[in-house]
N, C-alpha and C. Protein backbone atom coordinates (compact mmCIF):
# COMPACT_ATOMS: atom_id res chain seq x y z
N MET A 1 -79.68 -56.83 -77.95
CA MET A 1 -80.57 -56.68 -76.82
C MET A 1 -81.47 -55.47 -77.06
N ILE A 2 -82.76 -55.64 -76.88
CA ILE A 2 -83.73 -54.55 -76.92
C ILE A 2 -84.47 -54.58 -75.59
N CYS A 3 -84.50 -53.43 -74.90
CA CYS A 3 -85.11 -53.36 -73.57
C CYS A 3 -86.15 -52.25 -73.49
N PHE A 4 -87.28 -52.56 -72.90
CA PHE A 4 -88.38 -51.61 -72.68
C PHE A 4 -88.07 -50.75 -71.46
N TYR A 5 -88.52 -49.50 -71.47
CA TYR A 5 -88.44 -48.66 -70.27
C TYR A 5 -89.65 -47.72 -70.21
N GLN A 6 -89.99 -47.31 -69.00
CA GLN A 6 -90.96 -46.25 -68.74
C GLN A 6 -90.18 -45.12 -68.09
N ALA A 7 -90.23 -43.93 -68.68
CA ALA A 7 -89.44 -42.81 -68.16
C ALA A 7 -89.74 -42.55 -66.68
N ALA A 8 -90.99 -42.62 -66.29
CA ALA A 8 -91.37 -42.33 -64.90
C ALA A 8 -90.81 -43.36 -63.92
N SER A 9 -90.43 -44.54 -64.40
CA SER A 9 -89.90 -45.60 -63.52
C SER A 9 -88.38 -45.61 -63.43
N LEU A 10 -87.70 -44.78 -64.23
CA LEU A 10 -86.24 -44.73 -64.18
C LEU A 10 -85.80 -44.03 -62.89
N ALA A 11 -84.76 -44.56 -62.25
CA ALA A 11 -84.28 -44.01 -60.98
C ALA A 11 -83.72 -42.60 -61.17
N PRO A 12 -84.17 -41.64 -60.35
CA PRO A 12 -83.65 -40.26 -60.46
C PRO A 12 -82.34 -40.08 -59.71
N THR A 13 -81.45 -39.28 -60.30
CA THR A 13 -80.20 -38.88 -59.64
C THR A 13 -80.18 -37.36 -59.62
N ARG A 14 -80.07 -36.78 -58.42
CA ARG A 14 -80.06 -35.32 -58.28
C ARG A 14 -78.72 -34.76 -58.77
N TRP A 15 -78.80 -33.63 -59.47
CA TRP A 15 -77.59 -32.95 -59.94
C TRP A 15 -76.82 -32.38 -58.76
N HIS A 16 -75.50 -32.28 -58.93
CA HIS A 16 -74.65 -31.72 -57.87
C HIS A 16 -75.01 -30.27 -57.57
N ASN A 17 -75.45 -29.50 -58.58
CA ASN A 17 -75.78 -28.09 -58.35
C ASN A 17 -77.22 -27.90 -57.89
N GLY A 18 -77.99 -28.99 -57.76
CA GLY A 18 -79.36 -28.90 -57.28
C GLY A 18 -80.36 -28.40 -58.30
N GLY A 19 -79.94 -28.18 -59.56
CA GLY A 19 -80.81 -27.59 -60.57
C GLY A 19 -81.68 -28.58 -61.33
N GLY A 20 -81.61 -29.86 -60.96
CA GLY A 20 -82.43 -30.82 -61.68
C GLY A 20 -82.10 -32.24 -61.30
N ILE A 21 -82.72 -33.16 -62.02
CA ILE A 21 -82.45 -34.58 -61.82
C ILE A 21 -82.26 -35.23 -63.20
N THR A 22 -81.53 -36.33 -63.21
CA THR A 22 -81.33 -37.12 -64.42
C THR A 22 -81.88 -38.52 -64.18
N ARG A 23 -82.55 -39.04 -65.18
CA ARG A 23 -83.01 -40.43 -65.18
C ARG A 23 -82.30 -41.13 -66.34
N GLU A 24 -81.30 -41.93 -66.00
CA GLU A 24 -80.50 -42.60 -67.01
C GLU A 24 -81.27 -43.74 -67.66
N ILE A 25 -81.26 -43.75 -68.99
CA ILE A 25 -81.90 -44.83 -69.75
C ILE A 25 -80.87 -45.94 -69.98
N ILE A 26 -79.73 -45.57 -70.54
CA ILE A 26 -78.65 -46.53 -70.79
C ILE A 26 -77.33 -45.78 -70.85
N SER A 27 -76.28 -46.42 -70.36
CA SER A 27 -74.92 -45.90 -70.54
C SER A 27 -74.02 -47.08 -70.86
N PHE A 28 -72.92 -46.79 -71.51
CA PHE A 28 -71.96 -47.82 -71.85
C PHE A 28 -70.56 -47.29 -71.62
N PRO A 29 -69.73 -48.02 -70.91
CA PRO A 29 -70.07 -49.25 -70.20
C PRO A 29 -71.07 -48.97 -69.07
N PRO A 30 -71.89 -49.97 -68.75
CA PRO A 30 -72.92 -49.77 -67.73
C PRO A 30 -72.34 -49.39 -66.36
N HIS A 31 -73.01 -48.47 -65.70
CA HIS A 31 -72.71 -48.09 -64.32
C HIS A 31 -71.29 -47.56 -64.11
N GLN A 32 -70.73 -46.91 -65.13
CA GLN A 32 -69.40 -46.34 -65.04
C GLN A 32 -69.49 -44.82 -65.15
N ALA A 33 -68.78 -44.10 -64.27
CA ALA A 33 -68.77 -42.64 -64.36
C ALA A 33 -68.10 -42.19 -65.65
N ALA A 34 -67.10 -42.92 -66.10
CA ALA A 34 -66.40 -42.59 -67.34
C ALA A 34 -67.05 -43.34 -68.50
N PHE A 35 -68.26 -42.92 -68.86
CA PHE A 35 -69.02 -43.57 -69.93
C PHE A 35 -68.46 -43.24 -71.30
N ASP A 36 -68.71 -44.13 -72.26
CA ASP A 36 -68.43 -43.84 -73.67
C ASP A 36 -69.63 -43.14 -74.30
N PHE A 37 -70.83 -43.58 -73.93
CA PHE A 37 -72.05 -42.88 -74.34
C PHE A 37 -73.12 -43.08 -73.29
N ARG A 38 -74.05 -42.11 -73.26
CA ARG A 38 -75.13 -42.16 -72.27
C ARG A 38 -76.37 -41.49 -72.84
N PHE A 39 -77.52 -42.14 -72.63
CA PHE A 39 -78.83 -41.58 -72.96
C PHE A 39 -79.57 -41.36 -71.66
N SER A 40 -80.24 -40.22 -71.52
CA SER A 40 -80.97 -39.95 -70.29
C SER A 40 -82.10 -38.96 -70.55
N ILE A 41 -82.96 -38.85 -69.55
CA ILE A 41 -84.01 -37.83 -69.53
C ILE A 41 -83.76 -37.00 -68.28
N ALA A 42 -83.75 -35.69 -68.45
CA ALA A 42 -83.49 -34.80 -67.32
C ALA A 42 -84.69 -33.89 -67.07
N THR A 43 -84.91 -33.59 -65.81
CA THR A 43 -85.87 -32.57 -65.41
C THR A 43 -85.07 -31.38 -64.92
N LEU A 44 -85.24 -30.25 -65.59
CA LEU A 44 -84.59 -29.01 -65.18
C LEU A 44 -85.55 -28.28 -64.25
N SER A 45 -85.09 -27.95 -63.05
CA SER A 45 -85.99 -27.32 -62.08
C SER A 45 -85.60 -25.89 -61.73
N GLY A 46 -84.60 -25.37 -62.40
CA GLY A 46 -84.21 -23.99 -62.13
C GLY A 46 -83.06 -23.57 -63.02
N ASP A 47 -82.77 -22.28 -63.01
CA ASP A 47 -81.64 -21.75 -63.76
C ASP A 47 -80.35 -22.29 -63.16
N GLY A 48 -79.34 -22.49 -64.01
CA GLY A 48 -78.06 -22.94 -63.49
C GLY A 48 -77.11 -23.36 -64.59
N ASP A 49 -75.92 -23.75 -64.15
CA ASP A 49 -74.87 -24.17 -65.07
C ASP A 49 -74.94 -25.66 -65.33
N PHE A 50 -74.76 -26.04 -66.58
CA PHE A 50 -74.64 -27.46 -66.91
C PHE A 50 -73.26 -27.93 -66.47
N SER A 51 -73.16 -29.17 -66.06
CA SER A 51 -71.85 -29.75 -65.77
C SER A 51 -71.05 -29.81 -67.06
N ARG A 52 -69.75 -29.62 -66.93
CA ARG A 52 -68.88 -29.70 -68.10
C ARG A 52 -68.38 -31.13 -68.26
N PHE A 53 -68.31 -31.55 -69.51
CA PHE A 53 -67.82 -32.88 -69.85
C PHE A 53 -66.80 -32.74 -70.99
N PRO A 54 -65.53 -32.50 -70.65
CA PRO A 54 -64.50 -32.36 -71.69
C PRO A 54 -64.43 -33.61 -72.56
N GLY A 55 -64.30 -33.39 -73.87
CA GLY A 55 -64.19 -34.49 -74.82
C GLY A 55 -65.50 -35.17 -75.15
N VAL A 56 -66.61 -34.63 -74.66
CA VAL A 56 -67.93 -35.23 -74.85
C VAL A 56 -68.79 -34.30 -75.70
N ASP A 57 -69.44 -34.85 -76.72
CA ASP A 57 -70.43 -34.10 -77.48
C ASP A 57 -71.80 -34.38 -76.88
N ARG A 58 -72.58 -33.33 -76.76
CA ARG A 58 -73.90 -33.44 -76.13
C ARG A 58 -74.99 -33.11 -77.14
N THR A 59 -76.12 -33.79 -76.97
CA THR A 59 -77.33 -33.51 -77.74
C THR A 59 -78.46 -33.36 -76.74
N ILE A 60 -79.20 -32.27 -76.83
CA ILE A 60 -80.33 -32.03 -75.95
C ILE A 60 -81.57 -31.77 -76.80
N THR A 61 -82.68 -32.40 -76.41
CA THR A 61 -83.95 -32.21 -77.12
C THR A 61 -85.04 -31.96 -76.08
N LEU A 62 -85.71 -30.84 -76.19
CA LEU A 62 -86.77 -30.49 -75.25
C LEU A 62 -87.97 -31.42 -75.43
N LEU A 63 -88.42 -32.01 -74.32
CA LEU A 63 -89.60 -32.87 -74.32
C LEU A 63 -90.82 -32.13 -73.82
N ARG A 64 -90.64 -31.34 -72.75
CA ARG A 64 -91.76 -30.65 -72.10
C ARG A 64 -91.25 -29.35 -71.52
N GLY A 65 -92.06 -28.32 -71.63
CA GLY A 65 -91.69 -27.02 -71.08
C GLY A 65 -91.59 -25.99 -72.20
N ASP A 66 -91.41 -24.77 -71.80
CA ASP A 66 -91.31 -23.68 -72.75
C ASP A 66 -90.31 -22.67 -72.20
N GLY A 67 -89.63 -21.98 -73.07
CA GLY A 67 -88.71 -20.95 -72.62
C GLY A 67 -87.45 -21.48 -71.99
N VAL A 68 -86.91 -22.59 -72.51
CA VAL A 68 -85.64 -23.14 -72.05
C VAL A 68 -84.56 -22.57 -72.96
N THR A 69 -83.69 -21.74 -72.39
CA THR A 69 -82.67 -21.06 -73.18
C THR A 69 -81.29 -21.42 -72.65
N LEU A 70 -80.41 -21.80 -73.59
CA LEU A 70 -79.02 -22.09 -73.25
C LEU A 70 -78.19 -20.86 -73.56
N HIS A 71 -77.25 -20.55 -72.65
CA HIS A 71 -76.40 -19.38 -72.80
C HIS A 71 -74.94 -19.80 -72.75
N LEU A 72 -74.10 -19.10 -73.52
CA LEU A 72 -72.66 -19.31 -73.53
C LEU A 72 -72.02 -17.94 -73.43
N ASN A 73 -71.20 -17.75 -72.40
CA ASN A 73 -70.53 -16.46 -72.18
C ASN A 73 -71.52 -15.29 -72.17
N ARG A 74 -72.62 -15.48 -71.46
CA ARG A 74 -73.67 -14.48 -71.28
C ARG A 74 -74.40 -14.08 -72.56
N HIS A 75 -74.25 -14.87 -73.60
CA HIS A 75 -74.97 -14.65 -74.85
C HIS A 75 -75.87 -15.85 -75.10
N THR A 76 -77.01 -15.59 -75.71
CA THR A 76 -77.93 -16.69 -76.02
C THR A 76 -77.30 -17.61 -77.05
N LEU A 77 -77.21 -18.87 -76.70
CA LEU A 77 -76.70 -19.90 -77.60
C LEU A 77 -77.85 -20.50 -78.39
N LYS A 78 -78.95 -20.83 -77.69
CA LYS A 78 -80.09 -21.47 -78.34
C LYS A 78 -81.28 -21.45 -77.40
N THR A 79 -82.47 -21.11 -77.90
CA THR A 79 -83.72 -21.33 -77.19
C THR A 79 -84.28 -22.63 -77.75
N LEU A 80 -84.44 -23.62 -76.87
CA LEU A 80 -84.85 -24.95 -77.30
C LEU A 80 -86.32 -24.96 -77.72
N GLN A 81 -86.59 -25.73 -78.76
CA GLN A 81 -87.94 -25.95 -79.25
C GLN A 81 -88.26 -27.43 -79.06
N PRO A 82 -89.48 -27.77 -78.66
CA PRO A 82 -89.82 -29.19 -78.45
C PRO A 82 -89.54 -30.05 -79.68
N GLY A 83 -88.88 -31.18 -79.45
CA GLY A 83 -88.64 -32.15 -80.50
C GLY A 83 -87.53 -31.82 -81.48
N ILE A 84 -86.80 -30.72 -81.26
CA ILE A 84 -85.72 -30.35 -82.18
C ILE A 84 -84.38 -30.48 -81.45
N PRO A 85 -83.55 -31.46 -81.85
CA PRO A 85 -82.27 -31.67 -81.18
C PRO A 85 -81.32 -30.50 -81.38
N PHE A 86 -80.50 -30.25 -80.35
CA PHE A 86 -79.45 -29.24 -80.42
C PHE A 86 -78.16 -29.88 -79.92
N TYR A 87 -77.10 -29.74 -80.72
CA TYR A 87 -75.80 -30.35 -80.41
C TYR A 87 -74.84 -29.28 -79.91
N PHE A 88 -74.00 -29.64 -78.89
CA PHE A 88 -72.97 -28.71 -78.43
C PHE A 88 -71.86 -29.48 -77.73
N PRO A 89 -70.63 -28.92 -77.74
CA PRO A 89 -69.50 -29.57 -77.05
C PRO A 89 -69.67 -29.53 -75.53
N GLY A 90 -69.40 -30.63 -74.88
CA GLY A 90 -69.61 -30.74 -73.44
C GLY A 90 -68.66 -29.93 -72.59
N GLU A 91 -67.54 -29.46 -73.16
CA GLU A 91 -66.62 -28.64 -72.36
C GLU A 91 -67.03 -27.18 -72.30
N GLN A 92 -68.03 -26.78 -73.09
CA GLN A 92 -68.49 -25.40 -73.06
C GLN A 92 -69.18 -25.09 -71.74
N ALA A 93 -68.98 -23.87 -71.27
CA ALA A 93 -69.61 -23.40 -70.03
C ALA A 93 -71.02 -22.92 -70.35
N VAL A 94 -71.96 -23.86 -70.43
CA VAL A 94 -73.34 -23.55 -70.81
C VAL A 94 -74.18 -23.34 -69.55
N ARG A 95 -74.97 -22.29 -69.59
CA ARG A 95 -75.90 -21.97 -68.51
C ARG A 95 -77.31 -22.04 -69.08
N VAL A 96 -78.25 -22.55 -68.29
CA VAL A 96 -79.63 -22.66 -68.74
C VAL A 96 -80.50 -21.71 -67.92
N THR A 97 -81.46 -21.06 -68.60
CA THR A 97 -82.48 -20.28 -67.90
C THR A 97 -83.84 -20.80 -68.34
N LEU A 98 -84.78 -20.81 -67.39
CA LEU A 98 -86.12 -21.30 -67.63
C LEU A 98 -87.12 -20.17 -67.44
N SER A 99 -88.12 -20.11 -68.31
CA SER A 99 -89.19 -19.13 -68.10
C SER A 99 -90.37 -19.76 -67.37
N GLU A 100 -90.40 -21.11 -67.30
CA GLU A 100 -91.41 -21.82 -66.53
C GLU A 100 -90.75 -22.47 -65.32
N SER A 101 -91.57 -23.13 -64.50
CA SER A 101 -91.03 -23.71 -63.28
C SER A 101 -90.11 -24.89 -63.53
N ASP A 102 -90.39 -25.72 -64.53
CA ASP A 102 -89.50 -26.83 -64.85
C ASP A 102 -89.76 -27.32 -66.26
N SER A 103 -88.86 -28.18 -66.73
CA SER A 103 -88.98 -28.75 -68.07
C SER A 103 -88.29 -30.11 -68.09
N ASP A 104 -88.58 -30.89 -69.10
CA ASP A 104 -87.94 -32.19 -69.30
C ASP A 104 -87.22 -32.19 -70.64
N ASP A 105 -86.05 -32.83 -70.69
CA ASP A 105 -85.35 -32.96 -71.95
C ASP A 105 -84.70 -34.33 -72.07
N PHE A 106 -84.45 -34.71 -73.31
CA PHE A 106 -83.83 -35.97 -73.69
C PHE A 106 -82.38 -35.64 -74.02
N ASN A 107 -81.45 -36.41 -73.47
CA ASN A 107 -80.03 -36.11 -73.63
C ASN A 107 -79.25 -37.30 -74.16
N ILE A 108 -78.29 -37.00 -75.02
CA ILE A 108 -77.32 -37.99 -75.46
C ILE A 108 -75.94 -37.37 -75.24
N MET A 109 -75.03 -38.15 -74.66
CA MET A 109 -73.64 -37.71 -74.50
C MET A 109 -72.74 -38.82 -75.03
N VAL A 110 -71.76 -38.43 -75.87
CA VAL A 110 -70.83 -39.41 -76.46
C VAL A 110 -69.40 -38.89 -76.38
N ARG A 111 -68.45 -39.79 -76.14
CA ARG A 111 -67.03 -39.45 -76.24
C ARG A 111 -66.73 -39.22 -77.72
N ARG A 112 -66.40 -37.97 -78.08
CA ARG A 112 -66.28 -37.61 -79.49
C ARG A 112 -65.12 -38.29 -80.20
N ASP A 113 -64.12 -38.75 -79.48
CA ASP A 113 -63.01 -39.44 -80.15
C ASP A 113 -63.37 -40.88 -80.53
N ARG A 114 -64.49 -41.39 -80.02
CA ARG A 114 -64.88 -42.78 -80.30
C ARG A 114 -66.26 -42.92 -80.95
N TYR A 115 -67.17 -42.00 -80.66
CA TYR A 115 -68.57 -42.15 -81.08
C TYR A 115 -69.13 -40.85 -81.62
N ARG A 116 -70.23 -40.97 -82.35
CA ARG A 116 -71.00 -39.81 -82.80
C ARG A 116 -72.48 -40.13 -82.58
N ALA A 117 -73.24 -39.12 -82.29
CA ALA A 117 -74.67 -39.28 -82.00
C ALA A 117 -75.50 -38.53 -83.03
N THR A 118 -76.67 -39.08 -83.31
CA THR A 118 -77.66 -38.39 -84.12
C THR A 118 -79.00 -38.53 -83.40
N ALA A 119 -79.89 -37.61 -83.67
CA ALA A 119 -81.21 -37.62 -83.03
C ALA A 119 -82.22 -36.98 -83.98
N GLY A 120 -83.48 -37.33 -83.77
CA GLY A 120 -84.53 -36.74 -84.58
C GLY A 120 -85.89 -37.24 -84.14
N THR A 121 -86.90 -36.89 -84.90
CA THR A 121 -88.25 -37.34 -84.62
C THR A 121 -88.80 -38.05 -85.85
N SER A 122 -89.82 -38.86 -85.64
CA SER A 122 -90.43 -39.61 -86.74
C SER A 122 -91.90 -39.82 -86.46
N GLN A 123 -92.66 -39.87 -87.53
CA GLN A 123 -94.07 -40.24 -87.46
C GLN A 123 -94.34 -41.49 -88.31
N SER A 124 -93.27 -42.10 -88.80
CA SER A 124 -93.38 -43.33 -89.58
C SER A 124 -92.46 -44.38 -88.99
N ALA A 125 -92.53 -45.60 -89.50
CA ALA A 125 -91.72 -46.70 -88.96
C ALA A 125 -90.26 -46.31 -88.85
N HIS A 126 -89.62 -46.76 -87.77
CA HIS A 126 -88.22 -46.43 -87.51
C HIS A 126 -87.44 -47.73 -87.34
N CYS A 127 -86.35 -47.87 -88.09
CA CYS A 127 -85.52 -49.07 -88.05
C CYS A 127 -84.39 -48.91 -87.04
N LEU A 128 -84.17 -49.92 -86.21
CA LEU A 128 -83.13 -49.88 -85.19
C LEU A 128 -81.80 -50.44 -85.69
N LYS A 129 -81.71 -50.89 -86.92
CA LYS A 129 -80.53 -51.62 -87.35
C LYS A 129 -79.35 -50.76 -87.79
N ASN A 130 -79.53 -49.48 -88.01
CA ASN A 130 -78.47 -48.66 -88.57
C ASN A 130 -77.57 -48.00 -87.54
N SER A 131 -77.54 -48.53 -86.31
CA SER A 131 -76.69 -47.93 -85.30
C SER A 131 -76.19 -48.99 -84.32
N LEU A 132 -75.13 -48.65 -83.62
CA LEU A 132 -74.58 -49.52 -82.59
C LEU A 132 -75.54 -49.63 -81.41
N ALA A 133 -76.09 -48.48 -81.02
CA ALA A 133 -77.00 -48.42 -79.87
C ALA A 133 -77.93 -47.24 -80.07
N GLY A 134 -79.04 -47.25 -79.33
CA GLY A 134 -79.95 -46.13 -79.43
C GLY A 134 -81.14 -46.26 -78.52
N VAL A 135 -81.97 -45.22 -78.59
CA VAL A 135 -83.16 -45.11 -77.75
C VAL A 135 -84.27 -44.51 -78.59
N VAL A 136 -85.49 -45.01 -78.39
CA VAL A 136 -86.67 -44.33 -78.90
C VAL A 136 -87.54 -43.98 -77.70
N TYR A 137 -88.25 -42.86 -77.81
CA TYR A 137 -89.11 -42.34 -76.74
C TYR A 137 -90.40 -41.88 -77.40
N VAL A 138 -91.53 -42.40 -76.95
CA VAL A 138 -92.82 -42.04 -77.55
C VAL A 138 -93.27 -40.68 -77.03
N LEU A 139 -93.44 -39.74 -77.96
CA LEU A 139 -93.93 -38.40 -77.63
C LEU A 139 -95.45 -38.37 -77.60
N SER A 140 -96.09 -39.06 -78.58
CA SER A 140 -97.55 -39.10 -78.63
C SER A 140 -97.99 -40.33 -79.42
N GLY A 141 -99.27 -40.65 -79.26
CA GLY A 141 -99.83 -41.79 -79.96
C GLY A 141 -99.36 -43.11 -79.38
N GLN A 142 -99.45 -44.13 -80.20
CA GLN A 142 -99.03 -45.47 -79.77
C GLN A 142 -98.17 -46.10 -80.86
N TRP A 143 -97.14 -46.82 -80.42
CA TRP A 143 -96.18 -47.48 -81.29
C TRP A 143 -96.09 -48.95 -80.89
N HIS A 144 -95.43 -49.76 -81.73
CA HIS A 144 -95.22 -51.16 -81.40
C HIS A 144 -93.79 -51.54 -81.79
N ASP A 145 -93.11 -52.28 -80.92
CA ASP A 145 -91.73 -52.67 -81.18
C ASP A 145 -91.58 -54.13 -81.62
N GLY A 146 -92.69 -54.76 -81.99
CA GLY A 146 -92.66 -56.16 -82.39
C GLY A 146 -92.98 -57.11 -81.25
N ARG A 147 -92.95 -56.57 -80.01
CA ARG A 147 -93.26 -57.38 -78.84
C ARG A 147 -94.39 -56.78 -78.02
N GLN A 148 -94.46 -55.45 -77.99
CA GLN A 148 -95.46 -54.80 -77.14
C GLN A 148 -95.76 -53.41 -77.66
N ALA A 149 -96.89 -52.87 -77.19
CA ALA A 149 -97.29 -51.50 -77.50
C ALA A 149 -96.49 -50.55 -76.63
N LEU A 150 -96.15 -49.41 -77.20
CA LEU A 150 -95.42 -48.34 -76.50
C LEU A 150 -96.28 -47.10 -76.49
N ASN A 151 -96.46 -46.51 -75.31
CA ASN A 151 -97.31 -45.33 -75.12
C ASN A 151 -96.45 -44.12 -74.76
N PRO A 152 -97.04 -42.90 -74.74
CA PRO A 152 -96.26 -41.72 -74.39
C PRO A 152 -95.52 -41.91 -73.06
N GLY A 153 -94.25 -41.47 -73.07
CA GLY A 153 -93.41 -41.61 -71.88
C GLY A 153 -92.73 -42.96 -71.77
N GLU A 154 -92.94 -43.82 -72.77
CA GLU A 154 -92.31 -45.14 -72.80
C GLU A 154 -91.42 -45.23 -74.02
N GLY A 155 -90.58 -46.26 -74.03
CA GLY A 155 -89.73 -46.46 -75.18
C GLY A 155 -88.94 -47.74 -75.05
N VAL A 156 -87.99 -47.89 -75.95
CA VAL A 156 -87.06 -49.01 -75.90
C VAL A 156 -85.66 -48.48 -76.15
N TRP A 157 -84.67 -49.18 -75.59
CA TRP A 157 -83.28 -48.92 -75.94
C TRP A 157 -82.71 -50.22 -76.47
N TRP A 158 -81.70 -50.09 -77.32
CA TRP A 158 -81.10 -51.27 -77.92
C TRP A 158 -79.59 -51.12 -77.97
N HIS A 159 -78.92 -52.24 -78.02
CA HIS A 159 -77.47 -52.30 -78.17
C HIS A 159 -77.16 -53.50 -79.05
N GLN A 160 -76.55 -53.22 -80.18
CA GLN A 160 -76.16 -54.25 -81.14
C GLN A 160 -77.31 -55.20 -81.47
N GLN A 161 -78.42 -54.62 -81.86
CA GLN A 161 -79.63 -55.40 -82.14
C GLN A 161 -80.35 -54.81 -83.34
N VAL A 162 -81.10 -55.64 -84.04
CA VAL A 162 -81.90 -55.20 -85.18
C VAL A 162 -83.37 -55.27 -84.79
N GLY A 163 -84.14 -54.29 -85.21
CA GLY A 163 -85.57 -54.28 -84.96
C GLY A 163 -86.23 -53.07 -85.58
N ASN A 164 -87.53 -52.96 -85.42
CA ASN A 164 -88.30 -51.83 -85.93
C ASN A 164 -89.32 -51.40 -84.89
N VAL A 165 -89.67 -50.14 -84.93
CA VAL A 165 -90.83 -49.66 -84.19
C VAL A 165 -91.77 -49.06 -85.23
N ILE A 166 -93.04 -49.38 -85.09
CA ILE A 166 -94.01 -48.92 -86.08
C ILE A 166 -95.15 -48.17 -85.39
N PRO A 167 -95.67 -47.12 -86.03
CA PRO A 167 -96.79 -46.39 -85.44
C PRO A 167 -98.08 -47.20 -85.54
N LEU A 168 -98.89 -47.11 -84.48
CA LEU A 168 -100.18 -47.79 -84.48
C LEU A 168 -101.35 -46.82 -84.59
N THR A 169 -101.10 -45.54 -84.33
CA THR A 169 -102.16 -44.54 -84.37
C THR A 169 -101.74 -43.37 -85.26
N SER A 170 -102.71 -42.62 -85.76
CA SER A 170 -102.42 -41.52 -86.69
C SER A 170 -101.70 -40.35 -86.00
N ASP A 171 -101.77 -40.26 -84.67
CA ASP A 171 -101.10 -39.17 -83.95
C ASP A 171 -99.74 -39.59 -83.40
N ALA A 172 -99.22 -40.73 -83.86
CA ALA A 172 -97.95 -41.26 -83.35
C ALA A 172 -96.78 -40.35 -83.72
N HIS A 173 -95.98 -40.01 -82.70
CA HIS A 173 -94.80 -39.16 -82.88
C HIS A 173 -93.73 -39.71 -81.95
N LEU A 174 -92.53 -39.92 -82.48
CA LEU A 174 -91.46 -40.62 -81.79
C LEU A 174 -90.19 -39.79 -81.82
N LEU A 175 -89.47 -39.75 -80.72
CA LEU A 175 -88.13 -39.15 -80.65
C LEU A 175 -87.14 -40.30 -80.63
N TRP A 176 -86.07 -40.20 -81.42
CA TRP A 176 -85.07 -41.25 -81.44
C TRP A 176 -83.68 -40.65 -81.32
N GLY A 177 -82.78 -41.43 -80.79
CA GLY A 177 -81.37 -41.08 -80.72
C GLY A 177 -80.55 -42.31 -81.00
N SER A 178 -79.45 -42.15 -81.71
CA SER A 178 -78.59 -43.30 -82.00
C SER A 178 -77.13 -42.93 -81.89
N VAL A 179 -76.32 -43.97 -81.67
CA VAL A 179 -74.88 -43.82 -81.51
C VAL A 179 -74.19 -44.78 -82.45
N ASN A 180 -73.15 -44.29 -83.12
CA ASN A 180 -72.30 -45.12 -83.97
C ASN A 180 -70.83 -44.83 -83.66
N ARG A 181 -69.98 -45.80 -83.96
CA ARG A 181 -68.54 -45.61 -83.76
C ARG A 181 -68.00 -44.66 -84.81
N ASN A 182 -66.98 -43.90 -84.43
CA ASN A 182 -66.23 -43.10 -85.39
C ASN A 182 -65.25 -44.03 -86.10
N PHE A 183 -65.08 -43.85 -87.38
CA PHE A 183 -64.11 -44.67 -88.12
C PHE A 183 -63.08 -43.80 -88.76
C-alpha cells in the first residue's frame, strides 16, 4: 500500500504538556497507543520536556525553524540542523528549548526490540522497496511517485510495497524515513 498525504491536512493532536502538536502520518498497528512504529510531524511551540517512551528509539529531523536545542541532564545534547536526522533513546529525559517562536520536525519512533529506523535526505530518485514501511516528505521542488506529482509539504507513506519517487525539478529535495524489522 502506498498512500499520499498533505502535512497540513493531517489531524493535529495537542501534547499533554501543551508544548506542541503532533500530526501522525502512519503508525503500526494503526490507531493503537502501544505502537510498534510511528511517523509524524510535530510543531514545537515552546520550551518543554519531551514525553518519555521506554524501549523506543526516536529519530528527529528539523523541517522548519532555527535554534532548536535538545538537552539531557541540563547539558546540551544536540542543536538540530534542518534536514539532518538525530537519533536518541526514548526513555531519556530530553528537554527542548527554542530560540524562535515555533518549529516543525519530522519524527520516527520504533520499538527497539522489534524494529530499527533510518532517515536521510535525497536529491535523486529514491526507492521504496528496501524497507518494511516508510515515509517521504518533500522539502523543496517537485517529485513524482508514479501516480502523481508531490509538492513541498506533501509526501507518501508505504507499508510492504515497492515503488520509487523521482525528482521532477532541479531544486528537488526529499526527506525520507524507513523502518525494518530487527533480525
